[in-house]
Amino acid sequence: MEIEASSAIRLFFPNPSLTLVYFEALANSLDAGATEIVMEIDLQAYDKPDTLTITITDNGDGFTDENFERFKMLLKPRDKFHKGLGRLVFLNYFERVEISSIWGTNYRHFTFRKGFDGNAPIETVEEKKGRRTSLTFSGFVKEKVKSYEDLKPDALKSRIIEQFLPTFAARKREGKPFRIEIDLSTRVVV
């Protein structure tokens, strides 16, 4: 079964916020057992939203066959807490998401966009590389960023803590350390 992504996005996310992109990616990283997450926000200037690129990298489980199958199948939740459609919010803000994932000697790379065909075979790399997954969001599709608070690390930090406080508290109680870094790069073009 195929779903027309634009209609699904409007149906499930009638009033989305750019912050949901961070929340969804971060939730996926935490679900994958990541203990190190880096969010890099890059744009030339605040008044040039078309230059916005966001890269989120973690050391979670990666896009194993099980995780990839769940990712490519819309509305296939993992459990009662997941809806199986959060990644649609990515396409509400960005034309494409380049996804690169390595775990052990396995590597998977694909581009998530409207019309995604679900094809991304695993390649084998010679040397064991550990675990690293990166999502790079590019091709910002909106005319402007509604709030600069969606780009500023301090504001994002507060929103992330508020959104994930129960998860963070549980990890602390369980003695599971984690680190989240948020970086912003802007430059003035003369």
N, C-alpha and C. Protein backbone atom coordinates (compact mmCIF):
# COMPACT_ATOMS: atom_id res chain seq x y z
N MET A 1 0.84 -1.18 0.00
CA MET A 1 0.00 0.00 0.00
C MET A 1 0.88 1.24 0.00
N GLU A 2 0.54 2.20 -0.81
CA GLU A 2 1.27 3.46 -0.84
C GLU A 2 0.39 4.56 -0.25
N ILE A 3 1.04 5.55 0.34
CA ILE A 3 0.33 6.69 0.92
C ILE A 3 0.89 7.96 0.30
N GLU A 4 0.02 8.86 -0.07
CA GLU A 4 0.45 10.15 -0.61
C GLU A 4 0.91 10.99 0.58
N ALA A 5 2.22 11.24 0.65
CA ALA A 5 2.84 11.84 1.84
C ALA A 5 2.28 13.23 2.16
N SER A 6 2.08 14.08 1.18
CA SER A 6 1.61 15.44 1.46
C SER A 6 0.27 15.45 2.17
N SER A 7 -0.65 14.60 1.73
CA SER A 7 -1.97 14.53 2.36
C SER A 7 -1.87 13.98 3.77
N ALA A 8 -1.04 12.95 3.95
CA ALA A 8 -0.86 12.35 5.28
C ALA A 8 -0.27 13.37 6.25
N ILE A 9 0.68 14.15 5.78
CA ILE A 9 1.31 15.17 6.64
C ILE A 9 0.25 16.16 7.11
N ARG A 10 -0.56 16.66 6.20
CA ARG A 10 -1.61 17.63 6.57
C ARG A 10 -2.64 17.00 7.51
N LEU A 11 -2.97 15.73 7.30
CA LEU A 11 -3.95 15.05 8.12
C LEU A 11 -3.45 14.84 9.55
N PHE A 12 -2.25 14.32 9.69
CA PHE A 12 -1.74 13.96 11.01
C PHE A 12 -1.05 15.11 11.74
N PHE A 13 -0.59 16.12 11.01
CA PHE A 13 0.10 17.25 11.62
C PHE A 13 -0.46 18.56 11.08
N PRO A 14 -1.70 18.89 11.44
CA PRO A 14 -2.31 20.11 10.89
C PRO A 14 -1.64 21.40 11.37
N ASN A 15 -1.03 21.37 12.54
CA ASN A 15 -0.39 22.56 13.10
C ASN A 15 1.00 22.22 13.62
N PRO A 16 1.88 21.75 12.78
CA PRO A 16 3.19 21.31 13.27
C PRO A 16 4.09 22.49 13.63
N SER A 17 5.13 22.18 14.33
CA SER A 17 6.15 23.15 14.70
C SER A 17 7.50 22.54 14.34
N LEU A 18 8.45 23.36 13.93
CA LEU A 18 9.79 22.87 13.61
C LEU A 18 10.37 22.10 14.79
N THR A 19 9.97 22.46 15.98
CA THR A 19 10.46 21.77 17.18
C THR A 19 10.12 20.28 17.14
N LEU A 20 9.01 19.92 16.48
CA LEU A 20 8.63 18.51 16.38
C LEU A 20 9.68 17.70 15.62
N VAL A 21 10.40 18.32 14.69
CA VAL A 21 11.46 17.62 13.98
C VAL A 21 12.53 17.18 14.97
N TYR A 22 12.94 18.09 15.85
CA TYR A 22 13.94 17.74 16.87
C TYR A 22 13.39 16.66 17.81
N PHE A 23 12.16 16.86 18.27
CA PHE A 23 11.56 15.92 19.22
C PHE A 23 11.49 14.51 18.63
N GLU A 24 11.04 14.40 17.39
CA GLU A 24 10.90 13.09 16.76
C GLU A 24 12.26 12.42 16.59
N ALA A 25 13.23 13.16 16.09
CA ALA A 25 14.57 12.58 15.90
C ALA A 25 15.19 12.19 17.25
N LEU A 26 15.03 13.04 18.24
CA LEU A 26 15.58 12.75 19.57
C LEU A 26 14.88 11.54 20.20
N ALA A 27 13.57 11.46 20.07
CA ALA A 27 12.83 10.31 20.60
C ALA A 27 13.32 9.02 19.94
N ASN A 28 13.55 9.06 18.63
CA ASN A 28 14.05 7.88 17.92
C ASN A 28 15.44 7.50 18.42
N SER A 29 16.29 8.50 18.64
CA SER A 29 17.64 8.23 19.16
C SER A 29 17.57 7.58 20.54
N LEU A 30 16.73 8.12 21.40
CA LEU A 30 16.60 7.57 22.75
C LEU A 30 16.02 6.16 22.71
N ASP A 31 15.02 5.94 21.84
CA ASP A 31 14.45 4.60 21.67
C ASP A 31 15.50 3.60 21.20
N ALA A 32 16.47 4.09 20.42
CA ALA A 32 17.53 3.23 19.89
C ALA A 32 18.67 3.03 20.90
N GLY A 33 18.50 3.54 22.11
CA GLY A 33 19.49 3.34 23.16
C GLY A 33 20.69 4.26 23.09
N ALA A 34 20.59 5.35 22.35
CA ALA A 34 21.72 6.28 22.22
C ALA A 34 22.07 6.90 23.57
N THR A 35 23.38 7.08 23.78
CA THR A 35 23.87 7.76 24.98
C THR A 35 24.57 9.06 24.63
N GLU A 36 24.85 9.26 23.34
CA GLU A 36 25.49 10.49 22.85
C GLU A 36 24.67 10.97 21.64
N ILE A 37 24.15 12.18 21.74
CA ILE A 37 23.35 12.75 20.65
C ILE A 37 23.86 14.17 20.39
N VAL A 38 24.14 14.46 19.12
CA VAL A 38 24.61 15.79 18.74
C VAL A 38 23.64 16.36 17.71
N MET A 39 23.13 17.56 17.99
CA MET A 39 22.23 18.26 17.08
C MET A 39 22.98 19.48 16.55
N GLU A 40 23.20 19.52 15.24
CA GLU A 40 23.91 20.64 14.62
C GLU A 40 22.95 21.39 13.71
N ILE A 41 22.78 22.67 13.99
CA ILE A 41 21.90 23.53 13.21
C ILE A 41 22.79 24.49 12.46
N ASP A 42 22.62 24.55 11.15
CA ASP A 42 23.48 25.39 10.32
C ASP A 42 22.63 26.20 9.35
N LEU A 43 22.88 27.50 9.29
CA LEU A 43 22.25 28.34 8.28
C LEU A 43 23.12 29.57 8.07
N GLN A 44 23.02 30.13 6.88
CA GLN A 44 23.84 31.31 6.57
C GLN A 44 23.44 32.49 7.44
N ALA A 45 22.14 32.74 7.56
CA ALA A 45 21.64 33.85 8.36
C ALA A 45 20.19 33.56 8.71
N TYR A 46 19.71 34.16 9.77
CA TYR A 46 18.33 33.92 10.20
C TYR A 46 17.31 34.28 9.13
N ASP A 47 17.64 35.25 8.27
CA ASP A 47 16.68 35.65 7.23
C ASP A 47 16.86 34.84 5.94
N LYS A 48 17.60 33.74 5.99
CA LYS A 48 17.80 32.87 4.83
C LYS A 48 17.42 31.43 5.20
N PRO A 49 16.13 31.18 5.44
CA PRO A 49 15.72 29.85 5.88
C PRO A 49 15.99 28.76 4.85
N ASP A 50 16.11 29.12 3.59
CA ASP A 50 16.40 28.12 2.55
C ASP A 50 17.78 27.49 2.73
N THR A 51 18.63 28.11 3.55
CA THR A 51 19.98 27.56 3.80
C THR A 51 20.02 26.66 5.04
N LEU A 52 18.89 26.50 5.71
CA LEU A 52 18.85 25.72 6.95
C LEU A 52 19.14 24.24 6.70
N THR A 53 20.09 23.73 7.44
CA THR A 53 20.41 22.31 7.46
C THR A 53 20.53 21.89 8.92
N ILE A 54 19.92 20.78 9.25
CA ILE A 54 20.01 20.24 10.61
C ILE A 54 20.57 18.83 10.50
N THR A 55 21.59 18.54 11.29
CA THR A 55 22.15 17.18 11.34
C THR A 55 22.05 16.68 12.77
N ILE A 56 21.47 15.51 12.92
CA ILE A 56 21.35 14.88 14.24
C ILE A 56 22.06 13.54 14.17
N THR A 57 23.05 13.38 15.03
CA THR A 57 23.89 12.18 15.04
C THR A 57 23.81 11.52 16.40
N ASP A 58 23.74 10.19 16.41
CA ASP A 58 23.70 9.48 17.68
C ASP A 58 24.50 8.18 17.60
N ASN A 59 24.66 7.55 18.75
CA ASN A 59 25.37 6.27 18.82
C ASN A 59 24.41 5.14 19.20
N GLY A 60 23.17 5.24 18.74
CA GLY A 60 22.16 4.21 19.04
C GLY A 60 22.33 2.96 18.20
N ASP A 61 21.33 2.10 18.23
CA ASP A 61 21.37 0.80 17.56
C ASP A 61 21.55 0.88 16.05
N GLY A 62 21.10 1.95 15.43
CA GLY A 62 21.23 2.09 13.99
C GLY A 62 20.04 1.53 13.22
N PHE A 63 20.11 1.63 11.91
CA PHE A 63 19.03 1.19 11.04
C PHE A 63 19.21 -0.29 10.69
N THR A 64 19.15 -1.12 11.73
CA THR A 64 19.17 -2.56 11.54
C THR A 64 17.96 -2.95 10.69
N ASP A 65 17.89 -4.19 10.25
CA ASP A 65 16.73 -4.61 9.45
C ASP A 65 15.42 -4.35 10.18
N GLU A 66 15.36 -4.69 11.47
CA GLU A 66 14.14 -4.48 12.24
C GLU A 66 13.78 -3.00 12.32
N ASN A 67 14.74 -2.16 12.63
CA ASN A 67 14.48 -0.72 12.74
C ASN A 67 14.12 -0.11 11.40
N PHE A 68 14.78 -0.55 10.34
CA PHE A 68 14.49 -0.02 9.01
C PHE A 68 13.10 -0.44 8.55
N GLU A 69 12.72 -1.68 8.80
CA GLU A 69 11.37 -2.14 8.43
C GLU A 69 10.31 -1.29 9.11
N ARG A 70 10.52 -0.99 10.38
CA ARG A 70 9.56 -0.16 11.11
C ARG A 70 9.55 1.26 10.56
N PHE A 71 10.72 1.77 10.19
CA PHE A 71 10.82 3.13 9.64
C PHE A 71 10.07 3.25 8.31
N LYS A 72 10.26 2.29 7.44
CA LYS A 72 9.69 2.42 6.10
C LYS A 72 8.20 2.09 6.04
N MET A 73 7.67 1.48 7.10
CA MET A 73 6.24 1.13 7.13
C MET A 73 5.49 2.14 7.98
N LEU A 74 4.80 3.03 7.34
CA LEU A 74 4.02 4.05 8.04
C LEU A 74 2.89 3.40 8.84
N LEU A 75 2.61 3.97 9.99
CA LEU A 75 1.54 3.51 10.87
C LEU A 75 1.74 2.09 11.39
N LYS A 76 2.99 1.70 11.56
CA LYS A 76 3.31 0.41 12.18
C LYS A 76 4.04 0.70 13.49
N PRO A 77 3.26 0.96 14.54
CA PRO A 77 3.89 1.34 15.81
C PRO A 77 4.63 0.19 16.46
N ARG A 78 5.65 0.53 17.22
CA ARG A 78 6.44 -0.45 17.97
C ARG A 78 5.66 -0.95 19.18
N ASP A 79 4.92 -0.03 19.83
CA ASP A 79 4.17 -0.36 21.03
C ASP A 79 3.06 0.67 21.20
N LYS A 80 2.37 0.62 22.33
CA LYS A 80 1.23 1.53 22.53
C LYS A 80 1.64 2.99 22.71
N PHE A 81 2.94 3.26 22.91
CA PHE A 81 3.39 4.63 23.10
C PHE A 81 3.81 5.30 21.79
N HIS A 82 3.98 4.51 20.75
CA HIS A 82 4.41 5.03 19.45
C HIS A 82 3.27 4.92 18.45
N LYS A 83 3.18 5.92 17.57
CA LYS A 83 2.10 5.91 16.58
C LYS A 83 2.56 5.42 15.21
N GLY A 84 3.87 5.46 14.97
CA GLY A 84 4.37 4.99 13.69
C GLY A 84 4.23 5.98 12.56
N LEU A 85 4.17 7.28 12.89
CA LEU A 85 4.05 8.27 11.83
C LEU A 85 4.83 9.55 12.07
N GLY A 86 5.62 9.59 13.12
CA GLY A 86 6.36 10.80 13.47
C GLY A 86 7.29 11.31 12.39
N ARG A 87 7.88 10.38 11.62
CA ARG A 87 8.82 10.80 10.58
C ARG A 87 8.15 11.64 9.49
N LEU A 88 6.83 11.61 9.42
CA LEU A 88 6.14 12.45 8.44
C LEU A 88 6.38 13.94 8.71
N VAL A 89 6.56 14.29 9.98
CA VAL A 89 6.80 15.70 10.31
C VAL A 89 8.09 16.19 9.65
N PHE A 90 9.06 15.28 9.43
CA PHE A 90 10.29 15.67 8.75
C PHE A 90 9.98 16.27 7.39
N LEU A 91 9.05 15.63 6.66
CA LEU A 91 8.74 16.07 5.30
C LEU A 91 7.85 17.30 5.26
N ASN A 92 7.31 17.68 6.39
CA ASN A 92 6.54 18.92 6.45
C ASN A 92 7.46 20.14 6.42
N TYR A 93 8.73 19.94 6.78
CA TYR A 93 9.69 21.04 6.84
C TYR A 93 10.85 20.92 5.86
N PHE A 94 11.16 19.70 5.45
CA PHE A 94 12.35 19.50 4.62
C PHE A 94 12.03 18.61 3.42
N GLU A 95 12.68 18.93 2.30
CA GLU A 95 12.50 18.12 1.09
C GLU A 95 13.08 16.73 1.26
N ARG A 96 14.18 16.65 1.99
CA ARG A 96 14.86 15.36 2.09
C ARG A 96 15.60 15.24 3.43
N VAL A 97 15.78 13.97 3.80
CA VAL A 97 16.57 13.64 4.97
C VAL A 97 17.55 12.56 4.52
N GLU A 98 18.84 12.90 4.53
CA GLU A 98 19.89 11.92 4.20
C GLU A 98 20.17 11.14 5.47
N ILE A 99 20.04 9.83 5.40
CA ILE A 99 20.24 8.99 6.57
C ILE A 99 21.39 8.04 6.32
N SER A 100 22.34 8.07 7.22
CA SER A 100 23.53 7.23 7.16
C SER A 100 23.65 6.52 8.49
N SER A 101 23.77 5.20 8.45
CA SER A 101 23.81 4.45 9.70
C SER A 101 24.84 3.34 9.60
N ILE A 102 25.67 3.27 10.62
CA ILE A 102 26.68 2.22 10.68
C ILE A 102 26.61 1.56 12.05
N TRP A 103 26.65 0.25 12.07
CA TRP A 103 26.69 -0.51 13.31
C TRP A 103 27.53 -1.76 13.04
N GLY A 104 28.61 -1.87 13.80
CA GLY A 104 29.54 -2.98 13.56
C GLY A 104 30.15 -2.87 12.17
N THR A 105 29.95 -3.90 11.36
CA THR A 105 30.46 -3.88 9.98
C THR A 105 29.33 -3.65 8.98
N ASN A 106 28.17 -3.20 9.45
CA ASN A 106 27.02 -2.95 8.59
C ASN A 106 26.85 -1.45 8.35
N TYR A 107 26.45 -1.11 7.12
CA TYR A 107 26.26 0.28 6.74
C TYR A 107 25.01 0.38 5.86
N ARG A 108 24.18 1.37 6.16
CA ARG A 108 22.98 1.62 5.36
C ARG A 108 22.88 3.12 5.14
N HIS A 109 22.65 3.51 3.89
CA HIS A 109 22.48 4.92 3.53
C HIS A 109 21.28 5.04 2.61
N PHE A 110 20.42 6.04 2.88
CA PHE A 110 19.27 6.27 2.01
C PHE A 110 18.77 7.69 2.20
N THR A 111 17.94 8.13 1.26
CA THR A 111 17.34 9.45 1.32
C THR A 111 15.85 9.28 1.55
N PHE A 112 15.36 9.86 2.64
CA PHE A 112 13.93 9.84 2.93
C PHE A 112 13.34 11.11 2.36
N ARG A 113 12.35 10.97 1.50
CA ARG A 113 11.65 12.09 0.88
C ARG A 113 10.29 11.62 0.45
N LYS A 114 9.47 12.53 -0.03
CA LYS A 114 8.17 12.14 -0.57
C LYS A 114 8.43 11.16 -1.71
N GLY A 115 7.69 10.09 -1.74
CA GLY A 115 7.90 9.07 -2.76
C GLY A 115 8.98 8.07 -2.39
N PHE A 116 9.42 8.06 -1.14
CA PHE A 116 10.44 7.11 -0.67
C PHE A 116 10.00 5.69 -1.00
N ASP A 117 10.85 4.93 -1.67
CA ASP A 117 10.48 3.58 -2.12
C ASP A 117 10.82 2.47 -1.14
N GLY A 118 11.43 2.79 -0.01
CA GLY A 118 11.72 1.79 1.00
C GLY A 118 12.90 0.90 0.66
N ASN A 119 13.71 1.31 -0.30
CA ASN A 119 14.85 0.50 -0.71
C ASN A 119 16.14 1.09 -0.14
N ALA A 120 16.82 0.29 0.67
CA ALA A 120 18.11 0.71 1.25
C ALA A 120 18.83 -0.52 1.76
N PRO A 121 19.48 -1.24 0.86
CA PRO A 121 20.15 -2.48 1.29
C PRO A 121 21.33 -2.19 2.22
N ILE A 122 21.64 -3.18 3.02
CA ILE A 122 22.79 -3.09 3.93
C ILE A 122 24.05 -3.41 3.14
N GLU A 123 25.06 -2.59 3.36
CA GLU A 123 26.38 -2.85 2.78
C GLU A 123 27.29 -3.31 3.92
N THR A 124 28.34 -4.00 3.58
CA THR A 124 29.30 -4.45 4.58
C THR A 124 30.57 -3.63 4.44
N VAL A 125 31.08 -3.18 5.58
CA VAL A 125 32.34 -2.44 5.59
C VAL A 125 33.41 -3.37 6.15
N GLU A 126 34.62 -3.14 5.73
CA GLU A 126 35.74 -4.03 6.09
C GLU A 126 36.03 -4.06 7.58
N GLU A 127 36.02 -2.89 8.19
CA GLU A 127 36.47 -2.76 9.56
C GLU A 127 35.30 -2.41 10.46
N LYS A 128 35.25 -2.99 11.64
CA LYS A 128 34.19 -2.68 12.59
C LYS A 128 34.30 -1.21 13.01
N LYS A 129 33.20 -0.48 12.91
CA LYS A 129 33.23 0.96 13.13
C LYS A 129 32.45 1.45 14.35
N GLY A 130 31.86 0.58 15.13
CA GLY A 130 31.05 1.04 16.24
C GLY A 130 29.64 1.36 15.77
N ARG A 131 28.97 2.29 16.45
CA ARG A 131 27.59 2.64 16.09
C ARG A 131 27.50 4.15 15.88
N ARG A 132 26.90 4.53 14.76
CA ARG A 132 26.73 5.95 14.46
C ARG A 132 25.64 6.10 13.41
N THR A 133 24.63 6.90 13.72
CA THR A 133 23.56 7.20 12.77
C THR A 133 23.44 8.71 12.66
N SER A 134 23.37 9.20 11.42
CA SER A 134 23.20 10.63 11.17
C SER A 134 22.00 10.86 10.28
N LEU A 135 21.20 11.84 10.66
CA LEU A 135 20.09 12.31 9.83
C LEU A 135 20.41 13.75 9.48
N THR A 136 20.50 14.05 8.18
CA THR A 136 20.77 15.41 7.73
C THR A 136 19.56 15.92 6.98
N PHE A 137 18.91 16.92 7.57
CA PHE A 137 17.69 17.52 7.02
C PHE A 137 18.09 18.70 6.15
N SER A 138 17.64 18.72 4.90
CA SER A 138 17.97 19.85 4.02
C SER A 138 16.81 20.11 3.06
N GLY A 139 16.88 21.26 2.41
CA GLY A 139 15.81 21.66 1.51
C GLY A 139 14.61 22.16 2.30
N PHE A 140 14.82 23.13 3.17
CA PHE A 140 13.74 23.69 3.99
C PHE A 140 12.64 24.19 3.06
N VAL A 141 11.40 23.76 3.30
CA VAL A 141 10.31 24.04 2.35
C VAL A 141 9.41 25.21 2.74
N LYS A 142 9.58 25.75 3.91
CA LYS A 142 8.73 26.86 4.35
C LYS A 142 9.34 28.19 3.89
N GLU A 143 8.53 29.22 3.86
CA GLU A 143 9.01 30.55 3.47
C GLU A 143 9.90 31.16 4.54
N LYS A 144 9.57 30.85 5.80
CA LYS A 144 10.37 31.38 6.90
C LYS A 144 10.26 30.45 8.09
N VAL A 145 11.18 30.62 9.03
CA VAL A 145 11.11 29.91 10.30
C VAL A 145 10.20 30.75 11.19
N LYS A 146 9.13 30.15 11.69
CA LYS A 146 8.14 30.91 12.45
C LYS A 146 8.72 31.56 13.70
N SER A 147 9.65 30.86 14.35
CA SER A 147 10.23 31.39 15.59
C SER A 147 11.72 31.09 15.62
N TYR A 148 12.50 32.10 15.91
CA TYR A 148 13.94 31.89 16.04
C TYR A 148 14.26 31.00 17.24
N GLU A 149 13.31 30.88 18.16
CA GLU A 149 13.49 29.99 19.30
C GLU A 149 13.64 28.54 18.83
N ASP A 150 13.17 28.23 17.61
CA ASP A 150 13.32 26.88 17.05
C ASP A 150 14.74 26.62 16.55
N LEU A 151 15.59 27.63 16.62
CA LEU A 151 16.97 27.50 16.14
C LEU A 151 18.01 27.72 17.23
N LYS A 152 17.64 28.39 18.28
CA LYS A 152 18.60 28.76 19.33
C LYS A 152 18.80 27.62 20.33
N PRO A 153 20.05 27.21 20.54
CA PRO A 153 20.32 26.09 21.46
C PRO A 153 19.73 26.23 22.85
N ASP A 154 19.82 27.41 23.47
CA ASP A 154 19.30 27.57 24.83
C ASP A 154 17.79 27.35 24.88
N ALA A 155 17.08 27.90 23.91
CA ALA A 155 15.63 27.72 23.87
C ALA A 155 15.27 26.27 23.59
N LEU A 156 16.00 25.64 22.67
CA LEU A 156 15.75 24.23 22.37
C LEU A 156 16.03 23.34 23.57
N LYS A 157 17.09 23.66 24.30
CA LYS A 157 17.44 22.89 25.49
C LYS A 157 16.27 22.87 26.47
N SER A 158 15.69 24.03 26.73
CA SER A 158 14.56 24.12 27.65
C SER A 158 13.37 23.29 27.16
N ARG A 159 13.07 23.40 25.88
CA ARG A 159 11.94 22.65 25.32
C ARG A 159 12.19 21.15 25.36
N ILE A 160 13.41 20.75 25.07
CA ILE A 160 13.76 19.32 25.08
C ILE A 160 13.66 18.77 26.50
N ILE A 161 14.16 19.51 27.48
CA ILE A 161 14.06 19.05 28.87
C ILE A 161 12.60 18.91 29.26
N GLU A 162 11.80 19.90 28.92
CA GLU A 162 10.37 19.85 29.26
C GLU A 162 9.69 18.65 28.58
N GLN A 163 9.99 18.41 27.33
CA GLN A 163 9.35 17.33 26.57
C GLN A 163 9.78 15.94 27.07
N PHE A 164 11.06 15.78 27.40
CA PHE A 164 11.61 14.46 27.71
C PHE A 164 11.96 14.26 29.18
N LEU A 165 11.51 15.14 30.05
CA LEU A 165 11.87 15.05 31.46
C LEU A 165 11.61 13.67 32.06
N PRO A 166 10.45 13.05 31.84
CA PRO A 166 10.25 11.70 32.42
C PRO A 166 11.28 10.68 31.91
N THR A 167 11.61 10.74 30.63
CA THR A 167 12.60 9.82 30.06
C THR A 167 13.97 10.07 30.67
N PHE A 168 14.36 11.34 30.76
CA PHE A 168 15.66 11.68 31.34
C PHE A 168 15.74 11.26 32.81
N ALA A 169 14.65 11.48 33.55
CA ALA A 169 14.63 11.10 34.97
C ALA A 169 14.75 9.58 35.12
N ALA A 170 14.07 8.84 34.26
CA ALA A 170 14.15 7.37 34.31
C ALA A 170 15.57 6.90 34.01
N ARG A 171 16.19 7.50 33.01
CA ARG A 171 17.57 7.12 32.69
C ARG A 171 18.51 7.42 33.86
N LYS A 172 18.30 8.55 34.51
CA LYS A 172 19.15 8.90 35.65
C LYS A 172 18.95 7.89 36.78
N ARG A 173 17.69 7.55 37.08
CA ARG A 173 17.41 6.56 38.14
C ARG A 173 18.06 5.21 37.83
N GLU A 174 18.06 4.84 36.55
CA GLU A 174 18.61 3.55 36.12
C GLU A 174 20.13 3.59 35.97
N GLY A 175 20.73 4.77 36.18
CA GLY A 175 22.18 4.90 36.07
C GLY A 175 22.67 4.82 34.63
N LYS A 176 21.82 5.20 33.68
CA LYS A 176 22.19 5.19 32.26
C LYS A 176 22.61 6.60 31.85
N PRO A 177 23.90 6.84 31.74
CA PRO A 177 24.35 8.20 31.39
C PRO A 177 24.01 8.52 29.92
N PHE A 178 23.82 9.79 29.64
CA PHE A 178 23.59 10.24 28.28
C PHE A 178 24.02 11.70 28.17
N ARG A 179 24.30 12.11 26.95
CA ARG A 179 24.72 13.49 26.69
C ARG A 179 24.07 13.96 25.42
N ILE A 180 23.51 15.16 25.45
CA ILE A 180 22.90 15.78 24.27
C ILE A 180 23.59 17.11 24.07
N GLU A 181 24.11 17.32 22.88
CA GLU A 181 24.80 18.57 22.54
C GLU A 181 24.01 19.25 21.42
N ILE A 182 23.84 20.56 21.55
CA ILE A 182 23.14 21.34 20.52
C ILE A 182 24.05 22.47 20.08
N ASP A 183 24.36 22.52 18.77
CA ASP A 183 25.23 23.55 18.23
C ASP A 183 24.51 24.32 17.15
N LEU A 184 24.77 25.62 17.07
CA LEU A 184 24.22 26.49 16.04
C LEU A 184 25.37 27.20 15.33
N SER A 185 25.37 27.13 14.01
CA SER A 185 26.36 27.85 13.21
C SER A 185 25.63 28.76 12.24
N THR A 186 25.97 30.03 12.27
CA THR A 186 25.45 30.99 11.29
C THR A 186 26.65 31.77 10.77
N ARG A 187 26.49 32.32 9.60
CA ARG A 187 27.56 33.16 9.05
C ARG A 187 26.92 34.28 8.23
N VAL A 188 27.56 35.38 8.20
CA VAL A 188 27.08 36.52 7.44
C VAL A 188 27.79 36.48 6.09
N VAL A 189 27.01 36.50 5.03
CA VAL A 189 27.57 36.49 3.69
C VAL A 189 27.65 37.93 3.21
N VAL A 190 28.86 38.38 2.85
CA VAL A 190 29.06 39.77 2.42
C VAL A 190 29.12 39.83 0.92
